[in-house]
PDB file of N, CA and C in Angstrom:
ATOM      1  N   UNK A   1      46.219-155.541  28.866  1.00  0.00           N
ATOM      2  CA  UNK A   1      47.184-156.836  29.382  1.00  0.00           C
ATOM      3  C   UNK A   1      48.034-156.531  30.366  1.00  0.00           C
ATOM      4  N   UNK A   2      48.922-156.332  31.254  1.00  0.00           N
ATOM      5  CA  UNK A   2      49.996-157.455  31.489  1.00  0.00           C
ATOM      6  C   UNK A   2      50.285-157.911  31.434  1.00  0.00           C
ATOM      7  N   UNK A   3      51.524-157.837  31.119  1.00  0.00           N
ATOM      8  CA  UNK A   3      52.857-158.569  30.412  1.00  0.00           C
ATOM      9  C   UNK A   3      53.411-158.749  31.719  1.00  0.00           C
ATOM     10  N   UNK A   4      53.922-158.439  32.507  1.00  0.00           N
ATOM     11  CA  UNK A   4      54.615-158.857  33.464  1.00  0.00           C
ATOM     12  C   UNK A   4      53.199-160.214  33.537  1.00  0.00           C
ATOM     13  N   UNK A   5      52.299-160.715  34.219  1.00  0.00           N
ATOM     14  CA  UNK A   5      51.699-160.877  34.443  1.00  0.00           C
ATOM     15  C   UNK A   5      52.242-162.733  32.988  1.00  0.00           C
ATOM     16  N   UNK A   6      51.938-162.061  32.008  1.00  0.00           N
ATOM     17  CA  UNK A   6      51.939-162.843  31.618  1.00  0.00           C
ATOM     18  C   UNK A   6      53.547-163.924  31.859  1.00  0.00           C
ATOM     19  N   UNK A   7      55.011-163.301  31.903  1.00  0.00           N
ATOM     20  CA  UNK A   7      55.831-163.813  31.716  1.00  0.00           C
ATOM     21  C   UNK A   7      57.016-164.148  33.114  1.00  0.00           C
ATOM     22  N   UNK A   8      55.564-163.441  34.908  1.00  0.00           N
ATOM     23  CA  UNK A   8      56.733-163.865  35.367  1.00  0.00           C
ATOM     24  C   UNK A   8      56.026-165.810  35.685  1.00  0.00           C
ATOM     25  N   UNK A   9      55.560-166.297  35.521  1.00  0.00           N
ATOM     26  CA  UNK A   9      55.585-167.383  35.380  1.00  0.00           C
ATOM     27  C   UNK A   9      56.564-168.470  35.118  1.00  0.00           C
ATOM     28  N   UNK A  10      56.746-167.869  33.863  1.00  0.00           N
ATOM     29  CA  UNK A  10      58.364-168.564  33.130  1.00  0.00           C
ATOM     30  C   UNK A  10      59.786-168.483  34.473  1.00  0.00           C
ATOM     31  N   UNK A  11      59.003-167.584  35.748  1.00  0.00           N
ATOM     32  CA  UNK A  11      60.050-167.933  36.541  1.00  0.00           C
ATOM     33  C   UNK A  11      60.638-168.733  37.061  1.00  0.00           C
ATOM     34  N   UNK A  12      59.139-168.945  37.731  1.00  0.00           N
ATOM     35  CA  UNK A  12      58.945-170.422  37.890  1.00  0.00           C
ATOM     36  C   UNK A  12      60.059-171.182  38.431  1.00  0.00           C
ATOM     37  N   UNK A  13      60.165-171.653  36.557  1.00  0.00           N
ATOM     38  CA  UNK A  13      61.151-173.307  36.461  1.00  0.00           C
ATOM     39  C   UNK A  13      62.389-172.741  37.063  1.00  0.00           C
ATOM     40  N   UNK A  14      63.379-174.074  36.899  1.00  0.00           N
ATOM     41  CA  UNK A  14      64.322-173.735  38.288  1.00  0.00           C
ATOM     42  C   UNK A  14      65.811-173.321  37.061  1.00  0.00           C
ATOM     43  N   UNK A  15      65.694-171.919  39.114  1.00  0.00           N
ATOM     44  CA  UNK A  15      67.478-171.531  37.928  1.00  0.00           C
ATOM     45  C   UNK A  15      66.825-170.860  37.090  1.00  0.00           C
ATOM     46  N   UNK A  16      66.006-169.972  36.778  1.00  0.00           N
ATOM     47  CA  UNK A  16      65.387-169.750  35.714  1.00  0.00           C
ATOM     48  C   UNK A  16      66.092-167.871  36.521  1.00  0.00           C
ATOM     49  N   UNK A  17      66.844-166.215  35.589  1.00  0.00           N
ATOM     50  CA  UNK A  17      66.522-165.302  36.699  1.00  0.00           C
ATOM     51  C   UNK A  17      66.327-164.323  36.027  1.00  0.00           C
ATOM     52  N   UNK A  18      65.824-164.276  34.576  1.00  0.00           N
ATOM     53  CA  UNK A  18      65.626-162.748  34.337  1.00  0.00           C
ATOM     54  C   UNK A  18      64.836-163.810  32.958  1.00  0.00           C
ATOM     55  N   UNK A  19      63.035-163.043  32.737  1.00  0.00           N
ATOM     56  CA  UNK A  19      62.316-163.950  31.087  1.00  0.00           C
ATOM     57  C   UNK A  19      62.008-162.014  30.755  1.00  0.00           C
ATOM     58  N   UNK A  20      61.757-161.927  29.077  1.00  0.00           N
ATOM     59  CA  UNK A  20      61.717-160.987  28.678  1.00  0.00           C
ATOM     60  C   UNK A  20      61.107-160.694  27.504  1.00  0.00           C
ATOM     61  N   UNK A  21      59.536-159.937  27.056  1.00  0.00           N
ATOM     62  CA  UNK A  21      59.283-159.775  25.591  1.00  0.00           C
ATOM     63  C   UNK A  21      59.722-159.044  24.515  1.00  0.00           C
ATOM     64  N   UNK A  22      60.831-159.670  23.813  1.00  0.00           N
ATOM     65  CA  UNK A  22      61.817-158.737  23.136  1.00  0.00           C
ATOM     66  C   UNK A  22      60.516-158.313  21.773  1.00  0.00           C
ATOM     67  N   UNK A  23      60.870-157.443  21.019  1.00  0.00           N
ATOM     68  CA  UNK A  23      60.516-156.899  19.363  1.00  0.00           C
ATOM     69  C   UNK A  23      61.743-157.291  18.359  1.00  0.00           C
ATOM     70  N   UNK A  24      61.387-157.000  17.289  1.00  0.00           N
ATOM     71  CA  UNK A  24      62.685-158.035  16.148  1.00  0.00           C
ATOM     72  C   UNK A  24      63.958-157.359  16.324  1.00  0.00           C
ATOM     73  N   UNK A  25      64.398-155.440  17.760  1.00  0.00           N
ATOM     74  CA  UNK A  25      65.333-155.647  17.197  1.00  0.00           C
ATOM     75  C   UNK A  25      66.186-155.418  18.810  1.00  0.00           C
ATOM     76  N   UNK A  26      65.635-156.587  19.101  1.00  0.00           N
ATOM     77  CA  UNK A  26      66.130-156.862  20.525  1.00  0.00           C
ATOM     78  C   UNK A  26      65.887-156.160  21.629  1.00  0.00           C
ATOM     79  N   UNK A  27      65.132-155.063  21.607  1.00  0.00           N
ATOM     80  CA  UNK A  27      64.340-153.966  22.560  1.00  0.00           C
ATOM     81  C   UNK A  27      63.538-154.788  23.584  1.00  0.00           C
ATOM     82  N   UNK A  28      63.339-154.524  24.744  1.00  0.00           N
ATOM     83  CA  UNK A  28      62.258-154.839  25.638  1.00  0.00           C
ATOM     84  C   UNK A  28      61.267-153.703  25.300  1.00  0.00           C
ATOM     85  N   UNK A  29      59.833-155.064  25.752  1.00  0.00           N
ATOM     86  CA  UNK A  29      58.736-154.152  25.395  1.00  0.00           C
ATOM     87  C   UNK A  29      57.446-154.879  26.980  1.00  0.00           C
ATOM     88  N   UNK A  30      58.676-156.116  27.244  1.00  0.00           N
ATOM     89  CA  UNK A  30      58.337-155.769  28.965  1.00  0.00           C
ATOM     90  C   UNK A  30      59.643-156.500  29.204  1.00  0.00           C
ATOM     91  N   UNK A  31      60.082-157.451  30.198  1.00  0.00           N
ATOM     92  CA  UNK A  31      60.609-157.820  31.438  1.00  0.00           C
ATOM     93  C   UNK A  31      60.370-158.591  32.842  1.00  0.00           C
ATOM     94  N   UNK A  32      60.687-159.406  32.993  1.00  0.00           N
ATOM     95  CA  UNK A  32      61.264-159.721  34.733  1.00  0.00           C
ATOM     96  C   UNK A  32      61.885-160.151  35.255  1.00  0.00           C
ATOM     97  N   UNK A  33      62.383-159.809  36.531  1.00  0.00           N
ATOM     98  CA  UNK A  33      63.929-160.474  36.415  1.00  0.00           C
ATOM     99  C   UNK A  33      64.425-159.375  37.044  1.00  0.00           C
ATOM    100  N   UNK A  34      65.987-160.129  36.699  1.00  0.00           N
ATOM    101  CA  UNK A  34      67.597-159.814  36.395  1.00  0.00           C
ATOM    102  C   UNK A  34      68.075-159.178  35.432  1.00  0.00           C
ATOM    103  N   UNK A  35      67.895-157.701  35.715  1.00  0.00           N
ATOM    104  CA  UNK A  35      67.297-156.248  35.314  1.00  0.00           C
ATOM    105  C   UNK A  35      69.077-156.353  34.388  1.00  0.00           C
ATOM    106  N   UNK A  36      70.206-156.453  35.131  1.00  0.00           N
ATOM    107  CA  UNK A  36      71.700-156.214  34.178  1.00  0.00           C
ATOM    108  C   UNK A  36      71.702-157.457  33.298  1.00  0.00           C
ATOM    109  N   UNK A  37      71.111-158.713  34.092  1.00  0.00           N
ATOM    110  CA  UNK A  37      71.603-159.806  32.940  1.00  0.00           C
ATOM    111  C   UNK A  37      70.354-159.795  31.422  1.00  0.00           C
ATOM    112  N   UNK A  38      68.991-159.393  32.137  1.00  0.00           N
ATOM    113  CA  UNK A  38      68.845-158.979  30.170  1.00  0.00           C
ATOM    114  C   UNK A  38      69.681-158.019  29.481  1.00  0.00           C
ATOM    115  N   UNK A  39      69.935-156.743  30.000  1.00  0.00           N
ATOM    116  CA  UNK A  39      70.008-155.893  29.223  1.00  0.00           C
ATOM    117  C   UNK A  39      70.970-156.552  28.713  1.00  0.00           C
ATOM    118  N   UNK A  40      72.274-157.264  29.399  1.00  0.00           N
ATOM    119  CA  UNK A  40      73.605-157.694  28.587  1.00  0.00           C
ATOM    120  C   UNK A  40      73.301-158.625  27.576  1.00  0.00           C
ATOM    121  N   UNK A  41      71.834-159.073  27.265  1.00  0.00           N
ATOM    122  CA  UNK A  41      71.882-160.586  26.805  1.00  0.00           C
ATOM    123  C   UNK A  41      70.654-160.145  25.742  1.00  0.00           C
ATOM    124  N   UNK A  42      69.575-159.964  25.314  1.00  0.00           N
ATOM    125  CA  UNK A  42      68.790-159.148  24.562  1.00  0.00           C
ATOM    126  C   UNK A  42      69.215-158.686  23.783  1.00  0.00           C
ATOM    127  N   UNK A  43      69.948-157.867  23.098  1.00  0.00           N
ATOM    128  CA  UNK A  43      70.032-157.463  22.592  1.00  0.00           C
ATOM    129  C   UNK A  43      70.856-157.845  21.109  1.00  0.00           C
ATOM    130  N   UNK A  44      72.589-158.913  22.402  1.00  0.00           N
ATOM    131  CA  UNK A  44      72.093-160.168  21.366  1.00  0.00           C
ATOM    132  C   UNK A  44      72.414-161.383  21.035  1.00  0.00           C
ATOM    133  N   UNK A  45      70.900-161.418  21.931  1.00  0.00           N
ATOM    134  CA  UNK A  45      70.313-162.484  21.106  1.00  0.00           C
ATOM    135  C   UNK A  45      68.848-162.030  19.603  1.00  0.00           C
ATOM    136  N   UNK A  46      69.011-160.993  19.472  1.00  0.00           N
ATOM    137  CA  UNK A  46      68.000-160.600  18.861  1.00  0.00           C
ATOM    138  C   UNK A  46      69.141-161.140  17.201  1.00  0.00           C
ATOM    139  N   UNK A  47      70.517-160.210  17.152  1.00  0.00           N
ATOM    140  CA  UNK A  47      71.702-160.491  16.625  1.00  0.00           C
ATOM    141  C   UNK A  47      71.429-162.702  16.149  1.00  0.00           C
ATOM    142  N   UNK A  48      72.224-163.233  17.297  1.00  0.00           N
ATOM    143  CA  UNK A  48      71.754-164.636  17.075  1.00  0.00           C
ATOM    144  C   UNK A  48      70.938-164.829  16.368  1.00  0.00           C
ATOM    145  N   UNK A  49      69.710-164.864  16.417  1.00  0.00           N
ATOM    146  CA  UNK A  49      68.633-164.924  15.916  1.00  0.00           C
ATOM    147  C   UNK A  49      68.213-164.447  14.569  1.00  0.00           C
ATOM    148  N   UNK A  50      68.911-163.487  14.601  1.00  0.00           N
ATOM    149  CA  UNK A  50      69.111-163.152  13.385  1.00  0.00           C
ATOM    150  C   UNK A  50      69.433-163.966  11.795  1.00  0.00           C
ATOM    151  N   UNK A  51      70.993-163.614  12.408  1.00  0.00           N
ATOM    152  CA  UNK A  51      71.810-165.107  11.709  1.00  0.00           C
ATOM    153  C   UNK A  51      71.900-166.602  11.275  1.00  0.00           C
ATOM    154  N   UNK A  52      70.352-166.613  12.433  1.00  0.00           N
ATOM    155  CA  UNK A  52      70.908-168.324  12.503  1.00  0.00           C
ATOM    156  C   UNK A  52      69.980-168.304  11.408  1.00  0.00           C
ATOM    157  N   UNK A  53      68.983-167.516  11.249  1.00  0.00           N
ATOM    158  CA  UNK A  53      66.627-167.156  10.407  1.00  0.00           C
ATOM    159  C   UNK A  53      67.774-167.781   9.162  1.00  0.00           C
ATOM    160  N   UNK A  54      68.989-166.320   9.760  1.00  0.00           N
ATOM    161  CA  UNK A  54      69.746-166.665   7.848  1.00  0.00           C
ATOM    162  C   UNK A  54      70.222-167.686   6.899  1.00  0.00           C
ATOM    163  N   UNK A  55      70.904-168.516   8.214  1.00  0.00           N
ATOM    164  CA  UNK A  55      71.676-170.148   7.560  1.00  0.00           C
ATOM    165  C   UNK A  55      70.006-170.862   6.926  1.00  0.00           C
ATOM    166  N   UNK A  56      69.247-170.911   8.522  1.00  0.00           N
ATOM    167  CA  UNK A  56      67.806-171.661   8.220  1.00  0.00           C
ATOM    168  C   UNK A  56      67.612-171.817   7.011  1.00  0.00           C
ATOM    169  N   UNK A  57      66.996-170.876   6.405  1.00  0.00           N
ATOM    170  CA  UNK A  57      66.858-169.811   5.657  1.00  0.00           C
ATOM    171  C   UNK A  57      67.375-170.793   3.626  1.00  0.00           C
ATOM    172  N   UNK A  58      68.740-170.362   4.419  1.00  0.00           N
ATOM    173  CA  UNK A  58      69.723-170.818   2.639  1.00  0.00           C
ATOM    174  C   UNK A  58      69.824-171.831   2.533  1.00  0.00           C
ATOM    175  N   UNK A  59      69.894-173.661   4.149  1.00  0.00           N
ATOM    176  CA  UNK A  59      69.605-174.386   4.213  1.00  0.00           C
ATOM    177  C   UNK A  59      68.090-174.867   3.852  1.00  0.00           C
ATOM    178  N   UNK A  60      67.511-174.015   3.971  1.00  0.00           N
ATOM    179  CA  UNK A  60      65.849-174.950   3.376  1.00  0.00           C
ATOM    180  C   UNK A  60      65.359-175.166   4.898  1.00  0.00           C
ATOM    181  N   UNK A  61      65.795-174.976   5.728  1.00  0.00           N
ATOM    182  CA  UNK A  61      65.415-175.344   7.043  1.00  0.00           C
ATOM    183  C   UNK A  61      63.759-174.488   7.574  1.00  0.00           C
ATOM    184  N   UNK A  62      63.712-172.993   7.236  1.00  0.00           N
ATOM    185  CA  UNK A  62      62.429-172.569   7.823  1.00  0.00           C
ATOM    186  C   UNK A  62      62.856-171.332   8.160  1.00  0.00           C
ATOM    187  N   UNK A  63      61.307-170.689   9.017  1.00  0.00           N
ATOM    188  CA  UNK A  63      62.085-170.720  10.290  1.00  0.00           C
ATOM    189  C   UNK A  63      62.874-170.606  11.379  1.00  0.00           C
ATOM    190  N   UNK A  64      63.056-169.691  12.532  1.00  0.00           N
ATOM    191  CA  UNK A  64      63.714-170.171  13.147  1.00  0.00           C
ATOM    192  C   UNK A  64      62.758-169.924  14.682  1.00  0.00           C
ATOM    193  N   UNK A  65      62.078-170.888  15.483  1.00  0.00           N
ATOM    194  CA  UNK A  65      61.122-171.629  16.112  1.00  0.00           C
ATOM    195  C   UNK A  65      61.794-171.262  17.064  1.00  0.00           C
ATOM    196  N   UNK A  66      62.334-171.826  17.509  1.00  0.00           N
ATOM    197  CA  UNK A  66      62.611-171.796  18.779  1.00  0.00           C
ATOM    198  C   UNK A  66      64.713-172.072  18.639  1.00  0.00           C
ATOM    199  N   UNK A  67      65.437-171.040  20.449  1.00  0.00           N
ATOM    200  CA  UNK A  67      66.776-171.349  20.279  1.00  0.00           C
ATOM    201  C   UNK A  67      66.872-171.805  21.659  1.00  0.00           C
ATOM    202  N   UNK A  68      68.332-172.739  21.573  1.00  0.00           N
ATOM    203  CA  UNK A  68      68.773-173.481  23.352  1.00  0.00           C
ATOM    204  C   UNK A  68      70.123-173.019  23.138  1.00  0.00           C
ATOM    205  N   UNK A  69      70.684-172.095  23.809  1.00  0.00           N
ATOM    206  CA  UNK A  69      72.057-172.011  24.190  1.00  0.00           C
ATOM    207  C   UNK A  69      72.857-172.736  25.138  1.00  0.00           C
ATOM    208  N   UNK A  70      73.781-172.660  25.500  1.00  0.00           N
ATOM    209  CA  UNK A  70      74.318-173.974  26.581  1.00  0.00           C
ATOM    210  C   UNK A  70      75.941-173.107  27.300  1.00  0.00           C
ATOM    211  N   UNK A  71      75.929-172.222  28.110  1.00  0.00           N
ATOM    212  CA  UNK A  71      76.744-171.910  28.439  1.00  0.00           C
ATOM    213  C   UNK A  71      77.498-171.754  29.291  1.00  0.00           C
ATOM    214  N   UNK A  72      79.340-171.574  29.801  1.00  0.00           N
ATOM    215  CA  UNK A  72      79.937-172.420  30.668  1.00  0.00           C
ATOM    216  C   UNK A  72      79.490-171.983  32.019  1.00  0.00           C
ATOM    217  N   UNK A  73      78.181-170.111  31.440  1.00  0.00           N
ATOM    218  CA  UNK A  73      77.452-170.360  33.352  1.00  0.00           C
ATOM    219  C   UNK A  73      76.751-169.804  33.262  1.00  0.00           C
ATOM    220  N   UNK A  74      76.107-170.306  32.327  1.00  0.00           N
ATOM    221  CA  UNK A  74      74.139-170.342  32.567  1.00  0.00           C
ATOM    222  C   UNK A  74      74.091-171.290  30.874  1.00  0.00           C
ATOM    223  N   UNK A  75      72.735-170.990  31.241  1.00  0.00           N
ATOM    224  CA  UNK A  75      71.379-171.340  29.863  1.00  0.00           C
ATOM    225  C   UNK A  75      70.689-169.998  28.804  1.00  0.00           C
ATOM    226  N   UNK A  76      70.725-170.198  27.978  1.00  0.00           N
ATOM    227  CA  UNK A  76      69.283-169.115  27.184  1.00  0.00           C
ATOM    228  C   UNK A  76      68.597-170.134  26.391  1.00  0.00           C
ATOM    229  N   UNK A  77      67.123-169.419  26.482  1.00  0.00           N
ATOM    230  CA  UNK A  77      66.086-170.462  26.217  1.00  0.00           C
ATOM    231  C   UNK A  77      65.836-168.851  25.550  1.00  0.00           C
ATOM    232  N   UNK A  78      65.165-168.940  24.221  1.00  0.00           N
ATOM    233  CA  UNK A  78      64.054-167.965  23.158  1.00  0.00           C
ATOM    234  C   UNK A  78      63.675-168.879  22.365  1.00  0.00           C
ATOM    235  N   UNK A  79      62.189-168.524  22.661  1.00  0.00           N
ATOM    236  CA  UNK A  79      61.347-168.840  20.975  1.00  0.00           C
ATOM    237  C   UNK A  79      60.207-167.610  20.560  1.00  0.00           C
ATOM    238  N   UNK A  80      60.375-167.916  19.431  1.00  0.00           N
ATOM    239  CA  UNK A  80      60.036-166.636  19.132  1.00  0.00           C
ATOM    240  C   UNK A  80      58.709-166.657  18.676  1.00  0.00           C
ATOM    241  N   UNK A  81      57.844-165.551  18.488  1.00  0.00           N
ATOM    242  CA  UNK A  81      56.355-165.071  19.115  1.00  0.00           C
ATOM    243  C   UNK A  81      55.967-165.163  17.284  1.00  0.00           C
ATOM    244  N   UNK A  82      56.166-163.687  16.977  1.00  0.00           N
ATOM    245  CA  UNK A  82      55.508-164.026  15.497  1.00  0.00           C
ATOM    246  C   UNK A  82      56.539-162.614  14.714  1.00  0.00           C
ATOM    247  N   UNK A  83      56.807-161.816  13.838  1.00  0.00           N
ATOM    248  CA  UNK A  83      57.104-160.774  12.958  1.00  0.00           C
ATOM    249  C   UNK A  83      57.997-160.731  13.666  1.00  0.00           C
ATOM    250  N   UNK A  84      59.386-161.636  14.252  1.00  0.00           N
ATOM    251  CA  UNK A  84      60.059-160.983  14.419  1.00  0.00           C
ATOM    252  C   UNK A  84      59.907-161.153  16.210  1.00  0.00           C
ATOM    253  N   UNK A  85      59.206-161.389  17.165  1.00  0.00           N
ATOM    254  CA  UNK A  85      59.200-160.472  18.057  1.00  0.00           C
ATOM    255  C   UNK A  85      59.419-162.736  18.991  1.00  0.00           C
ATOM    256  N   UNK A  86      60.202-162.394  20.250  1.00  0.00           N
ATOM    257  CA  UNK A  86      60.598-163.040  20.953  1.00  0.00           C
ATOM    258  C   UNK A  86      60.205-162.851  22.449  1.00  0.00           C
ATOM    259  N   UNK A  87      61.086-163.870  23.219  1.00  0.00           N
ATOM    260  CA  UNK A  87      60.444-164.693  24.900  1.00  0.00           C
ATOM    261  C   UNK A  87      61.387-165.205  24.608  1.00  0.00           C
ATOM    262  N   UNK A  88      62.611-164.888  25.218  1.00  0.00           N
ATOM    263  CA  UNK A  88      63.443-164.497  26.331  1.00  0.00           C
ATOM    264  C   UNK A  88      63.728-165.275  27.794  1.00  0.00           C
ATOM    265  N   UNK A  89      64.566-166.615  27.855  1.00  0.00           N
ATOM    266  CA  UNK A  89      64.075-166.923  28.907  1.00  0.00           C
ATOM    267  C   UNK A  89      65.651-167.685  29.389  1.00  0.00           C
ATOM    268  N   UNK A  90      65.948-166.846  30.744  1.00  0.00           N
ATOM    269  CA  UNK A  90      67.558-167.064  30.815  1.00  0.00           C
ATOM    270  C   UNK A  90      67.939-167.026  32.014  1.00  0.00           C
ATOM    271  N   UNK A  91      68.602-168.485  31.774  1.00  0.00           N
ATOM    272  CA  UNK A  91      68.661-169.301  32.960  1.00  0.00           C
ATOM    273  C   UNK A  91      70.478-168.927  34.476  1.00  0.00           C
ATOM    274  N   UNK A  92      70.070-169.516  35.904  1.00  0.00           N
ATOM    275  CA  UNK A  92      71.417-170.068  36.240  1.00  0.00           C
ATOM    276  C   UNK A  92      71.808-171.163  35.071  1.00  0.00           C
ATOM    277  N   UNK A  93      73.945-171.554  36.058  1.00  0.00           N
ATOM    278  CA  UNK A  93      74.331-173.085  34.893  1.00  0.00           C
ATOM    279  C   UNK A  93      73.622-174.060  35.419  1.00  0.00           C
ATOM    280  N   UNK A  94      72.369-174.754  36.463  1.00  0.00           N
ATOM    281  CA  UNK A  94      71.882-175.605  36.805  1.00  0.00           C
ATOM    282  C   UNK A  94      70.501-175.737  36.065  1.00  0.00           C
ATOM    283  N   UNK A  95      70.642-174.777  35.170  1.00  0.00           N
ATOM    284  CA  UNK A  95      68.860-174.726  34.972  1.00  0.00           C
ATOM    285  C   UNK A  95      68.381-175.664  33.675  1.00  0.00           C
ATOM    286  N   UNK A  96      66.980-175.521  33.940  1.00  0.00           N
ATOM    287  CA  UNK A  96      66.596-176.778  32.826  1.00  0.00           C
ATOM    288  C   UNK A  96      65.283-176.094  31.953  1.00  0.00           C
ATOM    289  N   UNK A  97      66.323-175.604  31.506  1.00  0.00           N
ATOM    290  CA  UNK A  97      64.947-175.344  30.383  1.00  0.00           C
ATOM    291  C   UNK A  97      63.934-175.446  29.920  1.00  0.00           C
ATOM    292  N   UNK A  98      63.836-176.860  29.930  1.00  0.00           N
ATOM    293  CA  UNK A  98      62.763-178.278  29.048  1.00  0.00           C
ATOM    294  C   UNK A  98      61.777-177.791  29.395  1.00  0.00           C
ATOM    295  N   UNK A  99      61.741-177.684  31.460  1.00  0.00           N
ATOM    296  CA  UNK A  99      60.907-177.547  32.463  1.00  0.00           C
ATOM    297  C   UNK A  99      60.395-175.878  32.032  1.00  0.00           C
ATOM    298  N   UNK A 100      60.816-175.205  31.306  1.00  0.00           N
ATOM    299  CA  UNK A 100      59.787-174.001  31.296  1.00  0.00           C
ATOM    300  C   UNK A 100      59.424-173.719  29.321  1.00  0.00           C
ATOM    301  N   UNK A 101      59.784-174.781  28.839  1.00  0.00           N
ATOM    302  CA  UNK A 101      59.224-174.645  27.786  1.00  0.00           C
ATOM    303  C   UNK A 101      57.865-174.542  27.817  1.00  0.00           C
ATOM    304  N   UNK A 102      57.116-175.567  27.764  1.00  0.00           N
ATOM    305  CA  UNK A 102      55.768-175.670  28.278  1.00  0.00           C
ATOM    306  C   UNK A 102      55.169-174.121  29.720  1.00  0.00           C
ATOM    307  N   UNK A 103      55.509-173.470  30.330  1.00  0.00           N
ATOM    308  CA  UNK A 103      55.156-172.305  30.447  1.00  0.00           C
ATOM    309  C   UNK A 103      55.871-171.039  29.522  1.00  0.00           C
ATOM    310  N   UNK A 104      56.660-171.568  28.650  1.00  0.00           N
ATOM    311  CA  UNK A 104      56.695-170.030  27.753  1.00  0.00           C
ATOM    312  C   UNK A 104      55.433-171.012  26.928  1.00  0.00           C
ATOM    313  N   UNK A 105      55.735-171.372  26.374  1.00  0.00           N
ATOM    314  CA  UNK A 105      54.168-172.150  25.033  1.00  0.00           C
ATOM    315  C   UNK A 105      53.449-171.175  25.401  1.00  0.00           C
ATOM    316  N   UNK A 106      52.727-171.226  27.168  1.00  0.00           N
ATOM    317  CA  UNK A 106      51.320-170.421  27.367  1.00  0.00           C
ATOM    318  C   UNK A 106      51.595-169.056  27.130  1.00  0.00           C
ATOM    319  N   UNK A 107      52.903-168.678  27.646  1.00  0.00           N
ATOM    320  CA  UNK A 107      52.840-167.300  27.401  1.00  0.00           C
ATOM    321  C   UNK A 107      52.943-166.551  25.867  1.00  0.00           C
ATOM    322  N   UNK A 108      53.446-167.574  25.194  1.00  0.00           N
ATOM    323  CA  UNK A 108      53.429-166.835  23.797  1.00  0.00           C
ATOM    324  C   UNK A 108      52.804-166.629  23.622  1.00  0.00           C
ATOM    325  N   UNK A 109      51.496-167.998  23.289  1.00  0.00           N
ATOM    326  CA  UNK A 109      50.227-167.876  22.657  1.00  0.00           C
ATOM    327  C   UNK A 109      49.502-166.903  24.000  1.00  0.00           C
ATOM    328  N   UNK A 110      49.496-166.659  25.033  1.00  0.00           N
ATOM    329  CA  UNK A 110      48.962-164.841  24.987  1.00  0.00           C
ATOM    330  C   UNK A 110      49.882-163.742  24.203  1.00  0.00           C
ATOM    331  N   UNK A 111      50.613-163.817  23.825  1.00  0.00           N
ATOM    332  CA  UNK A 111      51.982-162.536  24.069  1.00  0.00           C
ATOM    333  C   UNK A 111      51.077-162.727  22.037  1.00  0.00           C
ATOM    334  N   UNK A 112      51.186-163.593  21.520  1.00  0.00           N
ATOM    335  CA  UNK A 112      50.385-163.927  20.268  1.00  0.00           C
ATOM    336  C   UNK A 112      49.098-163.687  19.932  1.00  0.00           C
ATOM    337  N   UNK A 113      48.636-164.026  20.789  1.00  0.00           N
ATOM    338  CA  UNK A 113      47.334-162.839  20.408  1.00  0.00           C
ATOM    339  C   UNK A 113      47.318-161.549  21.018  1.00  0.00           C
ATOM    340  N   UNK A 114      48.050-161.032  21.517  1.00  0.00           N
ATOM    341  CA  UNK A 114      48.043-159.551  21.804  1.00  0.00           C
ATOM    342  C   UNK A 114      48.775-158.788  20.790  1.00  0.00           C
ATOM    343  N   UNK A 115      49.645-159.057  20.183  1.00  0.00           N
ATOM    344  CA  UNK A 115      50.592-159.004  19.195  1.00  0.00           C
ATOM    345  C   UNK A 115      49.616-158.465  17.772  1.00  0.00           C
ATOM    346  N   UNK A 116      49.102-159.477  18.100  1.00  0.00           N
ATOM    347  CA  UNK A 116      47.842-160.010  16.369  1.00  0.00           C
ATOM    348  C   UNK A 116      48.280-160.072  15.244  1.00  0.00           C
TER     349      UNK A 116
END
């Protein structure tokens, strides 16, 4: 499977800057788009997701399946795949993550099948 081909459609969402398939430690398996932006956010996002997961579990909410952050300079959307793997999408300030959700869902299904 060519991971780039799976991730690239997400870049078609408004203001999408980068998309990555990351392992549970936030290490890149594959990515498309702005490399510098991904290097900045990838590992941090893994930490955020881990901490949110602990809080959700303690509160009886179950696993974190999606995280959507809105910052002054941009937006971050991530969706879990399986066993701590996730897809991270980074957007400019005027990005519309909701448009990317169906694209992320399609990528998630393909990657889920790949990592079994």
